[in-house]
């Protein structure tokens, strides 16, 4: 769990003043809740391996276009997700992140230079007699991107200014990952996260110096839009920003049990994780999602 903080700690300061509406893409069941537990937010992923956070409005989607209106959210966060998809779809994926952002997008992922760390983790699992988790296999399948390749993907966001986004120190981040996944340290790492969460978060927020095995960019819309979703009226506005998976209209309404589309009468109820499953009924099964670092 300490590795959640290495990804999300840098967002705490950079979200800026006020309470912007946020869509967390590739968030898993925790996401932004790990650092901002009082902020309601939307989470989008292909699978949720566990009950979603209480403050998350979660939607499960198939790969492809997002189910949100243009400019739906003030801010989009997409952390440690690009490396889990083929290189040729990363650019269009970032363009879709940008489409639903009214003001800015935060993107980060591990770099190709972290390949040696992947080798170390794989050897660690083998030494413990364990199978490598999905996230390591996906790193190997798709290849970790270089900084230049991530920048090229971000260039697909037309109408946005792209700037570097500093990440947590690489040595500290690596130690946090080891504490999370090493068979003899995982329990201790979980205890540290539970009992000293605020202290660890403070340290990581102040540790953006030196080299990092991750690269980040912040994409800022040159002509900001007014977001549909607001934190002050989150429960109502997040539904108004969501497209119906059956008819694509933005006419969903809350009911006692879930959501209903007033255009086509489709009824949606949360699944056992608390997420709304918006995948077409013909969609193939989503890949199994690991609960370990870099893969939620």
Protein backbone atom coordinates (compact mmCIF):
# COMPACT_ATOMS: atom_id res chain seq x y z
CA UNK A 1 0.00 0.00 0.00
CA UNK A 2 2.95 2.35 0.45
CA UNK A 3 3.35 2.34 -3.32
CA UNK A 4 -0.06 4.03 -3.66
CA UNK A 5 1.54 7.02 -1.96
CA UNK A 6 4.47 7.16 -4.38
CA UNK A 7 1.99 7.58 -7.23
CA UNK A 8 -0.58 9.87 -5.65
CA UNK A 9 1.43 11.97 -3.16
CA UNK A 10 2.50 14.41 -5.88
CA UNK A 11 -1.16 15.17 -6.68
CA UNK A 12 -1.92 16.56 -3.23
CA UNK A 13 -0.08 19.84 -3.80
CA UNK A 14 -0.48 20.04 -7.57
CA UNK A 15 -4.28 19.88 -7.60
CA UNK A 16 -4.01 23.45 -6.35
CA UNK A 17 -6.45 25.51 -4.27
CA UNK A 18 -10.12 24.70 -4.05
CA UNK A 19 -11.70 21.31 -4.64
CA UNK A 20 -11.60 20.46 -8.36
CA UNK A 21 -13.66 17.62 -9.76
CA UNK A 22 -11.42 14.67 -10.64
CA UNK A 23 -11.70 11.59 -12.83
CA UNK A 24 -9.07 8.98 -11.89
CA UNK A 25 -8.48 6.65 -14.87
CA UNK A 26 -6.90 3.27 -14.14
CA UNK A 27 -7.48 3.82 -10.44
CA UNK A 28 -8.35 0.36 -9.13
CA UNK A 29 -10.50 0.23 -6.00
CA UNK A 30 -8.53 2.89 -4.06
CA UNK A 31 -6.93 5.49 -6.33
CA UNK A 32 -7.13 9.11 -5.22
CA UNK A 33 -8.73 8.06 -1.94
CA UNK A 34 -5.26 6.97 -0.77
CA UNK A 35 -4.20 10.60 -0.35
CA UNK A 36 -7.43 12.63 -0.35
CA UNK A 37 -10.00 10.50 1.52
CA UNK A 38 -12.49 13.36 1.92
CA UNK A 39 -12.67 14.35 -1.75
CA UNK A 40 -15.46 12.75 -3.81
CA UNK A 41 -14.17 11.67 -7.22
CA UNK A 42 -14.97 9.43 -10.17
CA UNK A 43 -12.91 6.34 -10.90
CA UNK A 44 -12.73 4.47 -14.20
CA UNK A 45 -11.05 1.13 -14.82
CA UNK A 46 -11.44 -2.14 -16.73
CA UNK A 47 -11.74 -4.08 -13.44
CA UNK A 48 -12.01 -3.46 -9.72
CA UNK A 49 -10.42 -6.29 -7.70
CA UNK A 50 -12.11 -5.35 -4.46
CA UNK A 51 -14.70 -3.01 -2.97
CA UNK A 52 -14.24 0.56 -4.23
CA UNK A 53 -13.53 3.47 -1.89
CA UNK A 54 -16.55 5.11 -0.27
CA UNK A 55 -15.89 8.47 -1.96
CA UNK A 56 -15.46 6.99 -5.46
CA UNK A 57 -18.19 6.95 -8.12
CA UNK A 58 -16.77 3.97 -10.00
CA UNK A 59 -17.44 2.86 -13.57
CA UNK A 60 -16.10 -0.28 -15.19
CA UNK A 61 -15.47 0.15 -18.90
CA UNK A 62 -14.13 -1.73 -21.90
CA UNK A 63 -11.06 -0.37 -23.72
CA UNK A 64 -12.07 2.38 -26.10
CA UNK A 65 -13.89 5.73 -25.88
CA UNK A 66 -14.67 6.97 -22.39
CA UNK A 67 -18.33 7.18 -21.29
CA UNK A 68 -18.15 10.88 -20.37
CA UNK A 69 -19.17 14.17 -21.96
CA UNK A 70 -16.49 16.45 -23.40
CA UNK A 71 -14.92 18.54 -20.63
CA UNK A 72 -16.80 16.60 -17.95
CA UNK A 73 -14.18 17.02 -15.20
CA UNK A 74 -11.89 19.83 -14.18
CA UNK A 75 -8.95 17.43 -13.78
CA UNK A 76 -8.05 13.97 -15.08
CA UNK A 77 -5.46 11.79 -13.32
CA UNK A 78 -3.98 8.75 -15.07
CA UNK A 79 -1.14 7.24 -13.06
CA UNK A 80 0.78 4.08 -13.97
CA UNK A 81 -1.59 3.00 -16.72
CA UNK A 82 0.06 3.78 -20.08
CA UNK A 83 2.59 0.97 -19.62
CA UNK A 84 -0.21 -1.60 -19.52
CA UNK A 85 -1.37 -0.97 -23.09
CA UNK A 86 0.19 -1.45 -26.52
CA UNK A 87 2.42 1.40 -27.64
CA UNK A 88 0.28 2.26 -30.66
CA UNK A 89 -2.82 3.05 -28.58
CA UNK A 90 -1.12 5.27 -25.97
CA UNK A 91 -1.46 8.43 -28.04
CA UNK A 92 -5.19 8.00 -28.79
CA UNK A 93 -5.72 7.07 -25.13
CA UNK A 94 -4.15 10.36 -23.98
CA UNK A 95 -6.30 12.21 -26.51
CA UNK A 96 -9.36 10.65 -24.86
CA UNK A 97 -8.10 11.72 -21.42
CA UNK A 98 -7.80 15.24 -22.77
CA UNK A 99 -11.26 15.20 -24.35
CA UNK A 100 -13.00 14.80 -20.99
CA UNK A 101 -10.73 17.30 -19.19
CA UNK A 102 -12.04 20.84 -18.81
CA UNK A 103 -8.71 22.17 -17.57
CA UNK A 104 -5.83 19.69 -17.19
CA UNK A 105 -4.56 16.12 -17.23
CA UNK A 106 -1.90 14.52 -15.02
CA UNK A 107 -0.13 11.53 -16.61
CA UNK A 108 2.67 9.39 -15.16
CA UNK A 109 4.13 5.91 -15.60
CA UNK A 110 7.34 3.94 -15.01
CA UNK A 111 10.12 4.43 -17.54
CA UNK A 112 11.99 1.92 -19.68
CA UNK A 113 14.95 2.53 -17.35
CA UNK A 114 12.92 0.67 -14.68
CA UNK A 115 13.32 -2.56 -16.63
CA UNK A 116 16.14 -3.66 -14.32
CA UNK A 117 13.77 -3.23 -11.37
CA UNK A 118 11.22 -5.45 -13.11
CA UNK A 119 13.92 -8.09 -13.44
CA UNK A 120 14.71 -7.77 -9.74
CA UNK A 121 11.05 -8.14 -8.79
CA UNK A 122 10.61 -11.16 -11.05
CA UNK A 123 13.62 -12.84 -9.46
CA UNK A 124 12.22 -12.03 -6.03
CA UNK A 125 8.96 -13.79 -6.83
CA UNK A 126 10.77 -16.76 -8.31
CA UNK A 127 12.99 -17.09 -5.23
CA UNK A 128 9.86 -17.17 -3.07
CA UNK A 129 8.28 -19.86 -5.28
CA UNK A 130 5.57 -17.46 -6.49
CA UNK A 131 4.26 -16.71 -9.97
CA UNK A 132 4.99 -13.25 -11.31
CA UNK A 133 1.95 -10.93 -11.03
CA UNK A 134 0.02 -9.66 -14.04
CA UNK A 135 1.58 -6.22 -13.93
CA UNK A 136 5.08 -7.63 -14.53
CA UNK A 137 3.86 -9.74 -17.43
CA UNK A 138 2.13 -6.73 -18.99
CA UNK A 139 5.29 -4.63 -18.64
CA UNK A 140 7.15 -7.32 -20.57
CA UNK A 141 4.37 -7.73 -23.15
CA UNK A 142 3.95 -4.06 -24.04
CA UNK A 143 7.36 -2.66 -23.11
CA UNK A 144 7.93 0.16 -20.67
CA UNK A 145 7.98 3.49 -22.56
CA UNK A 146 10.83 5.96 -22.71
CA UNK A 147 10.31 9.54 -21.59
CA UNK A 148 10.29 10.62 -25.24
CA UNK A 149 7.58 8.07 -26.05
CA UNK A 150 5.37 9.31 -23.21
CA UNK A 151 5.89 12.89 -24.38
CA UNK A 152 4.94 11.83 -27.92
CA UNK A 153 1.74 10.23 -26.60
CA UNK A 154 0.91 13.42 -24.70
CA UNK A 155 1.32 15.42 -27.90
CA UNK A 156 -1.92 13.82 -29.12
CA UNK A 157 -3.80 16.16 -26.77
CA UNK A 158 -4.42 19.02 -29.18
CA UNK A 159 -5.09 22.40 -27.62
CA UNK A 160 -3.08 21.54 -24.51
CA UNK A 161 0.26 22.79 -23.20
CA UNK A 162 2.49 19.88 -22.09
CA UNK A 163 4.98 20.36 -19.26
CA UNK A 164 7.12 18.00 -17.14
CA UNK A 165 5.62 16.87 -13.84
CA UNK A 166 8.16 15.97 -11.14
CA UNK A 167 7.80 12.57 -9.46
CA UNK A 168 8.88 11.03 -6.14
CA UNK A 169 12.58 10.16 -5.81
CA UNK A 170 13.42 6.86 -7.49
CA UNK A 171 15.26 5.24 -4.59
CA UNK A 172 12.44 6.03 -2.15
CA UNK A 173 9.82 4.79 -4.63
CA UNK A 174 11.71 1.55 -5.18
CA UNK A 175 11.95 0.88 -1.46
CA UNK A 176 8.21 1.50 -1.10
CA UNK A 177 7.47 -1.04 -3.85
CA UNK A 178 9.76 -3.61 -2.22
CA UNK A 179 8.01 -3.07 1.11
CA UNK A 180 4.67 -3.72 -0.58
CA UNK A 181 5.53 -6.85 -2.56
CA UNK A 182 8.38 -8.67 -0.80
CA UNK A 183 6.91 -11.76 0.90
CA UNK A 184 8.76 -11.01 4.15
CA UNK A 185 8.03 -7.28 4.16
CA UNK A 186 4.49 -6.96 2.80
CA UNK A 187 2.80 -7.29 6.20
CA UNK A 188 5.11 -4.68 7.71
CA UNK A 189 4.53 -2.35 4.77
CA UNK A 190 0.77 -2.64 5.22
CA UNK A 191 1.13 -1.85 8.92
CA UNK A 192 3.23 1.21 8.16
CA UNK A 193 0.63 2.44 5.69
CA UNK A 194 -2.14 1.96 8.22
CA UNK A 195 -0.41 3.36 11.31
CA UNK A 196 1.81 6.08 9.83
CA UNK A 197 -0.01 7.06 6.64
CA UNK A 198 0.21 10.81 7.15
CA UNK A 199 3.94 10.75 7.96
CA UNK A 200 4.74 8.64 4.89
CA UNK A 201 2.59 10.90 2.71
CA UNK A 202 4.31 14.02 4.02
CA UNK A 203 7.75 12.54 3.33
CA UNK A 204 6.86 11.54 -0.22
CA UNK A 205 5.33 14.93 -0.97
CA UNK A 206 8.68 16.47 -0.04
CA UNK A 207 10.80 13.94 -1.97
CA UNK A 208 10.59 15.16 -5.55
CA UNK A 209 14.33 15.48 -6.06
CA UNK A 210 17.00 13.51 -7.90
CA UNK A 211 16.24 10.83 -10.45
CA UNK A 212 13.01 8.87 -10.61
CA UNK A 213 12.11 5.63 -12.38
CA UNK A 214 8.83 7.30 -13.34
CA UNK A 215 8.06 10.14 -15.75
CA UNK A 216 5.19 12.57 -15.46
CA UNK A 217 3.57 15.30 -17.53
CA UNK A 218 0.84 17.81 -16.80
CA UNK A 219 -1.32 18.81 -19.77
CA UNK A 220 -3.11 22.15 -19.43
CA UNK A 221 -5.91 23.18 -21.75
CA UNK A 222 -5.06 26.47 -23.48
CA UNK A 223 -8.70 27.57 -23.42
CA UNK A 224 -10.22 26.10 -20.24
CA UNK A 225 -13.81 24.89 -20.21
CA UNK A 226 -16.40 24.89 -17.47
CA UNK A 227 -16.59 21.32 -16.13
CA UNK A 228 -19.93 19.56 -15.88
CA UNK A 229 -18.97 17.83 -12.63
CA UNK A 230 -18.51 19.89 -9.48
CA UNK A 231 -17.49 18.71 -6.03
CA UNK A 232 -20.14 20.85 -4.31
CA UNK A 233 -22.90 18.98 -6.17
CA UNK A 234 -20.95 15.85 -7.02
CA UNK A 235 -23.70 13.24 -6.67
CA UNK A 236 -25.94 14.95 -9.22
CA UNK A 237 -23.42 16.39 -11.65
CA UNK A 238 -21.36 13.22 -12.07
CA UNK A 239 -24.47 11.41 -13.29
CA UNK A 240 -25.30 14.22 -15.71
CA UNK A 241 -21.82 13.87 -17.25
CA UNK A 242 -22.14 10.11 -17.86
CA UNK A 243 -23.31 8.64 -21.16
CA UNK A 244 -25.73 5.74 -21.19
CA UNK A 245 -23.93 2.58 -22.40
CA UNK A 246 -27.00 1.55 -24.42
CA UNK A 247 -28.02 4.74 -26.24
CA UNK A 248 -25.07 7.12 -25.54
CA UNK A 249 -27.39 9.86 -24.32
CA UNK A 250 -26.46 11.89 -21.23
CA UNK A 251 -29.86 11.40 -19.62
CA UNK A 252 -29.07 9.17 -16.67
CA UNK A 253 -30.87 9.80 -13.39
CA UNK A 254 -30.43 8.38 -9.91
CA UNK A 255 -32.97 5.92 -8.56
CA UNK A 256 -33.32 4.14 -5.23
CA UNK A 257 -31.24 1.21 -6.51
CA UNK A 258 -28.86 2.82 -9.00
CA UNK A 259 -29.26 4.71 -12.29
CA UNK A 260 -31.89 4.87 -15.01
CA UNK A 261 -31.68 6.34 -18.52
CA UNK A 262 -34.72 8.47 -19.27
CA UNK A 263 -34.00 8.15 -23.00
CA UNK A 264 -33.95 4.34 -23.37
CA UNK A 265 -35.11 3.22 -19.86
CA UNK A 266 -31.95 1.19 -19.22
CA UNK A 267 -31.52 0.37 -15.52
CA UNK A 268 -28.03 0.22 -13.98
CA UNK A 269 -27.18 -1.05 -10.51
CA UNK A 270 -23.75 -1.25 -8.85
CA UNK A 271 -22.05 -4.65 -8.91
CA UNK A 272 -20.55 -6.40 -5.89
CA UNK A 273 -17.58 -4.00 -5.88
CA UNK A 274 -19.78 -0.91 -5.86
CA UNK A 275 -18.93 -0.03 -9.47
CA UNK A 276 -21.31 0.45 -12.40
CA UNK A 277 -20.47 -1.96 -15.20
CA UNK A 278 -20.76 0.01 -18.44
CA UNK A 279 -19.20 -2.57 -20.75
CA UNK A 280 -21.23 -3.71 -23.75
CA UNK A 281 -22.71 -7.14 -23.12
CA UNK A 282 -20.63 -8.50 -26.01
CA UNK A 283 -17.34 -7.30 -24.53
CA UNK A 284 -14.69 -9.99 -23.95
CA UNK A 285 -13.69 -10.67 -20.33
CA UNK A 286 -11.37 -7.99 -18.96
CA UNK A 287 -7.83 -9.01 -18.03
CA UNK A 288 -7.38 -10.03 -14.42
CA UNK A 289 -6.09 -7.08 -12.45
CA UNK A 290 -3.34 -7.58 -9.90
CA UNK A 291 -3.60 -5.77 -6.57
CA UNK A 292 0.16 -5.22 -6.49
CA UNK A 293 2.06 -2.02 -7.34
CA UNK A 294 1.85 -0.58 -10.86
CA UNK A 295 -1.21 -2.74 -11.38
CA UNK A 296 -4.33 -2.31 -9.32
